[in-house]
Amino acid sequence: MASNSFGNLLKLTTYGESHGPAIGGILDGVPSGIILDLDKIQHELDRRKPGQSKIVTQRKESDVVHFKSGIFEGKTTGLPIGFEIQNTDNKSKDYSHIKDIYRPNHADFTYDQKYGHRDYRGGGRSSARETASWVVAGAIAKQICSEIQFTAFTQSVGELSLSNQDLIDFKLIEQNPVRCPNSEMAQKMEDYIKAIRKEGDTVGGVVKCIISKVPKNLGDPVFEKLHANLAKAMLSINAVKGFEYGSGFEGSKMKGSQHNDIFNTDQTTRTNFSGGIQGGISNGMDIYFRVAFKPVATLMQTQQSIDKNSNQVEMQGKGRHDPCVVPRAIPIVEAMAALVLADAFLNQKTLN
């Protein structure tokens, strides 16, 4: 299936299911001779893995990546990079009660309608477990375009949100389990997620990402616009319900005289409502965007649903689930952004 691949010159193809023996991927199009820091790749995986704090799923996966090809003596060979991550803590029995039941807001119903059969163990391929492979590929992509910097953080959880007046310190992002760059707000968010978890409920939130030190020439007009490819990347992430870049929806409330980014003589702009992209091509300013995540669909509460014969049933979630996906989504957002930027970076090199 073509839908298991992402990218153009830099193409990632992934495989595996949440409760299968392993997940993995093949990243093709990586230039030869790049010295890869494998520790940095593992570090990105560690940021995403389950069980890292009390506000995420307690599934225990070491998430150690094993490279199978494409790397020799610490350098890329130019051939496909194959990698695999073992599944070691998948408790499939936690899902036996939904074998014939469609969970509300999950992919159970749509997968069954499309394929006539589904892997009910944790959602199979529709599980966010899949994103671990994306993080590996994204970590490699970061090293392909190493001068570009990617910084994502939690902007909001439920109604709790950072404002433009709040102090932001990127050094704080990895110092709290919520990954919020403001200590006071981070504590409020953490307490709120813990309270939601005790209720057997879940909550959504927003991730903001800032991409800095971007060259002025990435992206193509019309159907390969940089922001369009970023949108596809972000909307491919599990639980994402919205994407906006630059001024986003707030820009629709402004006048053109307020919204236009006026040039300085050094080719920067006084404002950056464009979000670093104009005409689908980067202009050298920071690219920034926001990604909205819905509440996790699995609740530790009784819900009404239907079975595969359309009978009304009651069901209750079991197993280990995140009460809020936002903190663990931070490295996934960065990874997908890096894949898009690295692909555009390599495409620009072919033009030069």
Protein backbone atom coordinates (compact mmCIF):
# COMPACT_ATOMS: atom_id res chain seq x y z
CA MET A 1 0.00 0.00 0.00
CA ALA A 2 1.35 3.41 -0.99
CA SER A 3 -0.13 4.91 2.16
CA ASN A 4 2.61 3.25 4.19
CA SER A 5 5.19 5.59 2.63
CA PHE A 6 5.87 9.28 3.23
CA GLY A 7 8.11 11.71 1.35
CA ASN A 8 9.51 12.25 -2.14
CA LEU A 9 13.32 12.19 -2.44
CA LEU A 10 13.59 11.22 1.22
CA LYS A 11 11.03 8.44 1.55
CA LEU A 12 10.05 6.58 4.70
CA THR A 13 8.17 3.28 4.46
CA THR A 14 7.07 1.68 7.72
CA TYR A 15 5.70 -1.69 8.84
CA GLY A 16 4.40 -3.47 11.92
CA GLU A 17 1.50 -3.39 14.37
CA SER A 18 1.12 -2.28 17.97
CA HIS A 19 0.92 -5.85 19.28
CA GLY A 20 3.00 -7.60 16.64
CA PRO A 21 6.57 -8.76 17.30
CA ALA A 22 8.15 -5.54 16.03
CA ILE A 23 7.71 -2.28 14.18
CA GLY A 24 10.21 -0.69 11.83
CA GLY A 25 10.92 1.08 8.61
CA ILE A 26 13.10 1.75 5.61
CA LEU A 27 14.36 5.28 4.99
CA ASP A 28 15.45 5.69 1.38
CA GLY A 29 17.13 8.67 -0.24
CA VAL A 30 19.63 9.48 2.51
CA PRO A 31 22.86 10.78 0.90
CA SER A 32 26.04 8.82 1.47
CA GLY A 33 28.84 9.92 3.76
CA ILE A 34 26.75 11.45 6.54
CA ILE A 35 28.20 10.66 9.96
CA LEU A 36 25.22 9.61 12.06
CA ASP A 37 25.11 10.11 15.81
CA LEU A 38 23.21 6.99 16.83
CA ASP A 39 22.96 8.17 20.44
CA LYS A 40 20.99 11.22 19.31
CA ILE A 41 18.60 8.96 17.40
CA GLN A 42 18.04 6.82 20.49
CA HIS A 43 17.58 9.96 22.59
CA GLU A 44 14.69 11.06 20.36
CA LEU A 45 13.08 7.64 20.80
CA ASP A 46 13.51 7.90 24.57
CA ARG A 47 11.60 11.19 24.49
CA ARG A 48 8.63 9.43 22.83
CA LYS A 49 8.64 6.07 24.59
CA PRO A 50 5.85 5.05 27.00
CA GLY A 51 6.24 4.78 30.76
CA GLN A 52 8.47 7.83 31.15
CA SER A 53 6.27 9.60 33.73
CA LYS A 54 3.07 9.23 35.74
CA ILE A 55 1.00 11.22 33.23
CA VAL A 56 1.52 8.87 30.27
CA THR A 57 0.72 5.23 29.50
CA GLN A 58 2.57 2.81 31.77
CA ARG A 59 3.32 0.36 28.97
CA LYS A 60 7.01 -0.46 29.41
CA GLU A 61 8.91 -0.53 26.15
CA SER A 62 12.67 -0.01 25.98
CA ASP A 63 12.24 1.17 22.38
CA VAL A 64 15.82 0.39 21.40
CA VAL A 65 16.32 0.84 17.66
CA HIS A 66 18.31 -1.78 15.74
CA PHE A 67 19.74 -0.70 12.39
CA LYS A 68 19.81 -3.40 9.72
CA SER A 69 21.31 -1.67 6.68
CA GLY A 70 22.48 1.57 5.12
CA ILE A 71 25.11 2.42 7.75
CA PHE A 72 28.74 1.27 7.69
CA GLU A 73 31.51 2.43 10.01
CA GLY A 74 29.24 5.14 11.39
CA LYS A 75 28.45 6.68 7.99
CA THR A 76 25.49 6.42 5.67
CA THR A 77 26.18 4.38 2.53
CA GLY A 78 23.56 6.03 0.32
CA LEU A 79 21.54 2.81 0.32
CA PRO A 80 18.24 2.32 2.17
CA ILE A 81 18.53 2.51 5.96
CA GLY A 82 16.55 -0.33 7.49
CA PHE A 83 15.69 -0.34 11.20
CA GLU A 84 13.52 -2.21 13.67
CA ILE A 85 12.13 -1.75 17.19
CA GLN A 86 10.99 -4.79 19.16
CA ASN A 87 7.62 -4.86 20.94
CA THR A 88 8.28 -6.39 24.35
CA ASP A 89 5.40 -5.33 26.63
CA ASN A 90 2.29 -5.80 24.52
CA LYS A 91 -0.53 -7.24 26.63
CA SER A 92 -2.96 -8.33 23.95
CA LYS A 93 -5.40 -9.85 26.46
CA ASP A 94 -6.30 -6.30 27.53
CA TYR A 95 -8.16 -5.98 24.22
CA SER A 96 -10.01 -9.31 24.04
CA HIS A 97 -13.21 -7.64 25.33
CA ILE A 98 -13.43 -5.43 22.21
CA LYS A 99 -12.82 -8.17 19.66
CA ASP A 100 -16.31 -7.68 18.24
CA ILE A 101 -16.97 -4.14 19.51
CA TYR A 102 -16.22 -0.82 17.83
CA ARG A 103 -14.64 1.64 20.26
CA PRO A 104 -16.04 5.20 19.89
CA ASN A 105 -13.72 7.60 18.03
CA HIS A 106 -11.21 4.87 17.18
CA ALA A 107 -10.35 3.43 13.76
CA ASP A 108 -12.05 0.10 14.60
CA PHE A 109 -15.20 0.73 12.56
CA THR A 110 -13.53 2.34 9.54
CA TYR A 111 -10.77 -0.29 9.30
CA ASP A 112 -13.37 -3.07 9.47
CA GLN A 113 -15.49 -1.40 6.79
CA LYS A 114 -12.50 -0.90 4.49
CA TYR A 115 -10.70 -4.23 4.90
CA GLY A 116 -13.41 -6.55 6.24
CA HIS A 117 -11.02 -7.54 9.01
CA ARG A 118 -9.07 -5.72 11.72
CA ASP A 119 -6.38 -6.25 14.30
CA TYR A 120 -8.21 -5.36 17.51
CA ARG A 121 -5.06 -5.69 19.66
CA GLY A 122 -4.36 -2.08 20.48
CA GLY A 123 -5.66 -0.95 17.13
CA GLY A 124 -3.02 -2.77 15.11
CA ARG A 125 -1.52 -0.42 12.55
CA SER A 126 -3.81 2.46 13.53
CA SER A 127 -2.09 2.61 16.93
CA ALA A 128 0.19 5.52 17.82
CA ARG A 129 2.83 2.84 18.45
CA GLU A 130 3.51 3.30 14.73
CA THR A 131 4.95 6.75 15.36
CA ALA A 132 8.08 5.32 17.01
CA SER A 133 9.35 4.52 13.50
CA TRP A 134 8.62 8.09 12.42
CA VAL A 135 10.75 9.39 15.28
CA VAL A 136 13.73 7.25 14.18
CA ALA A 137 13.44 8.55 10.62
CA GLY A 138 12.93 12.11 11.82
CA ALA A 139 16.04 11.90 13.98
CA ILE A 140 18.03 10.92 10.90
CA ALA A 141 16.38 13.74 8.94
CA LYS A 142 17.52 16.22 11.59
CA GLN A 143 21.10 15.16 10.93
CA ILE A 144 20.68 15.54 7.17
CA CYS A 145 19.75 19.21 7.56
CA SER A 146 21.71 19.70 10.77
CA GLU A 147 21.82 23.52 10.66
CA ILE A 148 18.03 23.75 10.95
CA GLN A 149 16.69 23.69 14.51
CA PHE A 150 13.36 22.15 15.53
CA THR A 151 11.72 23.06 18.85
CA ALA A 152 8.25 21.82 19.78
CA PHE A 153 6.52 22.27 23.12
CA THR A 154 3.16 22.00 24.86
CA GLN A 155 1.26 25.25 24.42
CA SER A 156 -2.01 24.13 25.95
CA VAL A 157 -3.75 21.28 27.74
CA GLY A 158 -7.52 21.60 27.79
CA GLU A 159 -8.35 25.19 28.80
CA LEU A 160 -4.88 25.77 30.29
CA SER A 161 -2.83 27.69 27.75
CA LEU A 162 0.32 29.76 27.51
CA SER A 163 -0.36 33.37 26.52
CA ASN A 164 1.86 35.74 24.58
CA GLN A 165 2.70 37.42 27.89
CA ASP A 166 3.97 34.27 29.60
CA LEU A 167 7.73 33.85 29.91
CA ILE A 168 9.08 31.08 27.68
CA ASP A 169 12.32 29.22 28.33
CA PHE A 170 13.10 26.40 25.91
CA LYS A 171 15.57 24.93 28.42
CA LEU A 172 12.60 23.98 30.61
CA ILE A 173 10.88 21.84 27.96
CA GLU A 174 12.67 18.61 28.88
CA GLN A 175 12.71 19.39 32.60
CA ASN A 176 9.04 18.65 33.25
CA PRO A 177 6.83 15.73 32.15
CA VAL A 178 4.37 17.99 30.30
CA ARG A 179 7.15 19.53 28.16
CA CYS A 180 5.91 23.07 28.73
CA PRO A 181 8.53 25.89 28.62
CA ASN A 182 7.01 27.71 31.62
CA SER A 183 7.43 26.14 35.07
CA GLU A 184 4.26 27.56 36.63
CA MET A 185 2.03 26.54 33.74
CA ALA A 186 3.78 23.16 33.48
CA GLN A 187 2.81 22.35 37.07
CA LYS A 188 -0.80 23.39 36.48
CA MET A 189 -0.96 21.22 33.38
CA GLU A 190 0.57 18.23 35.16
CA ASP A 191 -1.86 18.51 38.08
CA TYR A 192 -4.78 18.81 35.67
CA ILE A 193 -3.77 15.73 33.66
CA LYS A 194 -3.41 13.72 36.88
CA ALA A 195 -6.90 14.81 37.98
CA ILE A 196 -8.36 13.89 34.59
CA ARG A 197 -6.71 10.48 34.81
CA LYS A 198 -8.27 9.81 38.23
CA GLU A 199 -11.67 10.49 36.67
CA GLY A 200 -10.99 7.84 34.04
CA ASP A 201 -11.20 10.57 31.44
CA THR A 202 -8.83 12.18 28.92
CA VAL A 203 -7.98 15.64 27.61
CA GLY A 204 -6.49 17.15 24.46
CA GLY A 205 -4.17 20.07 23.82
CA VAL A 206 -2.01 22.02 21.39
CA VAL A 207 1.63 21.60 20.40
CA LYS A 208 3.52 24.58 19.00
CA CYS A 209 6.62 24.05 16.88
CA ILE A 210 9.24 26.60 15.88
CA ILE A 211 11.73 25.83 13.11
CA SER A 212 14.66 28.24 13.03
CA LYS A 213 17.75 28.79 10.88
CA VAL A 214 15.79 27.76 7.78
CA PRO A 215 17.34 28.53 4.36
CA LYS A 216 15.44 30.95 2.12
CA ASN A 217 14.71 28.49 -0.67
CA LEU A 218 12.92 25.39 0.64
CA GLY A 219 9.61 24.27 -0.83
CA ASP A 220 8.08 24.50 -4.29
CA PRO A 221 5.10 26.41 -5.72
CA VAL A 222 1.64 24.97 -6.37
CA PHE A 223 1.36 21.35 -5.18
CA GLU A 224 4.61 21.01 -3.20
CA LYS A 225 4.19 24.07 -1.01
CA LEU A 226 6.21 23.77 2.17
CA HIS A 227 3.28 24.56 4.46
CA ALA A 228 1.05 22.10 2.60
CA ASN A 229 3.56 19.30 3.15
CA LEU A 230 3.92 20.28 6.80
CA ALA A 231 0.14 20.16 7.12
CA LYS A 232 -0.01 16.66 5.64
CA ALA A 233 2.77 15.52 7.96
CA MET A 234 1.06 16.86 11.06
CA LEU A 235 -2.42 15.66 10.10
CA SER A 236 -0.95 12.17 9.61
CA ILE A 237 -0.14 11.99 13.34
CA ASN A 238 -2.64 10.03 15.42
CA ALA A 239 -5.23 12.17 17.28
CA VAL A 240 -4.44 15.38 15.36
CA LYS A 241 -7.56 17.41 14.54
CA GLY A 242 -6.14 20.72 13.41
CA PHE A 243 -3.12 22.50 11.91
CA GLU A 244 -2.38 26.20 11.42
CA TYR A 245 0.83 28.02 10.59
CA GLY A 246 1.87 31.64 10.90
CA SER A 247 -1.02 33.88 11.91
CA GLY A 248 -3.40 30.99 11.21
CA PHE A 249 -7.09 31.59 11.88
CA GLU A 250 -6.34 34.74 13.86
CA GLY A 251 -4.97 36.25 10.66
CA SER A 252 -8.43 36.13 9.13
CA LYS A 253 -9.52 38.78 11.65
CA MET A 254 -6.82 41.27 10.59
CA LYS A 255 -6.64 43.89 7.87
CA GLY A 256 -4.06 43.57 5.13
CA SER A 257 -2.33 46.69 6.40
CA GLN A 258 -1.85 44.93 9.73
CA HIS A 259 -0.99 41.51 8.36
CA ASN A 260 1.58 42.29 5.67
CA ASP A 261 5.16 41.47 6.72
CA ILE A 262 7.21 44.53 5.76
CA PHE A 263 10.77 43.85 4.60
CA ASN A 264 13.87 45.19 6.31
CA THR A 265 16.97 46.03 4.25
CA ASP A 266 18.65 42.82 5.46
CA GLN A 267 15.84 40.78 3.83
CA THR A 268 14.23 39.89 7.15
CA THR A 269 10.70 41.07 7.93
CA ARG A 270 9.50 43.29 10.79
CA THR A 271 6.71 40.88 11.64
CA ASN A 272 6.28 37.22 10.77
CA PHE A 273 2.59 36.64 10.23
CA SER A 274 3.58 34.58 7.17
CA GLY A 275 5.11 32.00 9.48
CA GLY A 276 8.35 31.88 7.52
CA ILE A 277 6.72 30.73 4.28
CA GLN A 278 5.52 32.79 1.31
CA GLY A 279 4.28 31.34 -1.96
CA GLY A 280 4.99 27.89 -0.55
CA ILE A 281 8.72 28.67 -0.19
CA SER A 282 10.65 29.46 2.98
CA ASN A 283 11.74 33.11 3.29
CA GLY A 284 14.43 32.67 5.96
CA MET A 285 12.29 33.71 8.91
CA ASP A 286 11.29 31.22 11.60
CA ILE A 287 8.63 28.76 10.54
CA TYR A 288 6.09 28.29 13.28
CA PHE A 289 2.89 26.30 13.47
CA ARG A 290 0.40 24.80 15.91
CA VAL A 291 -1.05 21.29 16.00
CA ALA A 292 -4.28 20.46 17.85
CA PHE A 293 -4.67 17.02 19.45
CA LYS A 294 -8.04 15.60 20.45
CA PRO A 295 -8.63 13.86 23.80
CA VAL A 296 -7.55 10.20 23.78
CA ALA A 297 -10.52 8.09 22.68
CA THR A 298 -10.08 5.26 25.19
CA LEU A 299 -11.71 6.14 28.53
CA MET A 300 -11.66 4.19 31.78
CA GLN A 301 -15.41 4.77 31.90
CA THR A 302 -18.46 2.93 30.60
CA GLN A 303 -19.53 4.07 27.13
CA GLN A 304 -22.28 3.14 24.72
CA SER A 305 -21.25 1.60 21.41
CA ILE A 306 -22.20 -1.08 18.87
CA ASP A 307 -20.76 -4.48 17.99
CA LYS A 308 -20.03 -5.75 14.49
CA ASN A 309 -23.68 -6.83 14.15
CA SER A 310 -24.85 -3.28 14.99
CA ASN A 311 -26.21 -4.30 18.39
CA GLN A 312 -26.11 -1.67 21.13
CA VAL A 313 -23.56 -2.60 23.80
CA GLU A 314 -21.82 -1.11 26.79
CA MET A 315 -18.05 -1.16 26.93
CA GLN A 316 -15.30 0.07 29.22
CA GLY A 317 -11.71 0.77 28.30
CA LYS A 318 -9.01 -1.46 29.72
CA GLY A 319 -5.25 -1.55 29.47
CA ARG A 320 -2.67 1.24 29.61
CA HIS A 321 -3.41 4.50 27.85
CA ASP A 322 -2.30 8.13 27.89
CA PRO A 323 -4.74 10.51 29.60
CA CYS A 324 -3.21 13.19 27.31
CA VAL A 325 -1.08 12.47 24.25
CA VAL A 326 0.41 15.95 23.98
CA PRO A 327 3.62 15.47 26.06
CA ARG A 328 4.69 12.38 24.10
CA ALA A 329 3.66 13.98 20.81
CA ILE A 330 6.40 16.63 21.05
CA PRO A 331 9.19 14.48 19.50
CA ILE A 332 6.73 13.14 16.90
CA VAL A 333 5.86 16.65 15.73
CA GLU A 334 9.55 17.52 15.49
CA ALA A 335 10.30 14.29 13.63
CA MET A 336 7.62 14.80 10.99
CA ALA A 337 8.65 18.43 10.53
CA ALA A 338 12.25 17.31 10.07
CA LEU A 339 11.27 14.76 7.42
CA VAL A 340 9.46 17.48 5.47
CA LEU A 341 12.31 20.00 5.75
CA ALA A 342 15.01 17.43 4.95
CA ASP A 343 13.07 16.29 1.88
CA ALA A 344 12.79 19.92 0.71
CA PHE A 345 16.47 20.46 1.55
CA LEU A 346 17.54 17.52 -0.64
CA ASN A 347 15.21 18.61 -3.44
CA GLN A 348 16.76 22.08 -3.42
CA LYS A 349 20.22 20.52 -3.75
CA THR A 350 19.12 18.77 -6.95
CA LEU A 351 18.16 22.17 -8.40
CA ASN A 352 21.52 23.66 -7.51
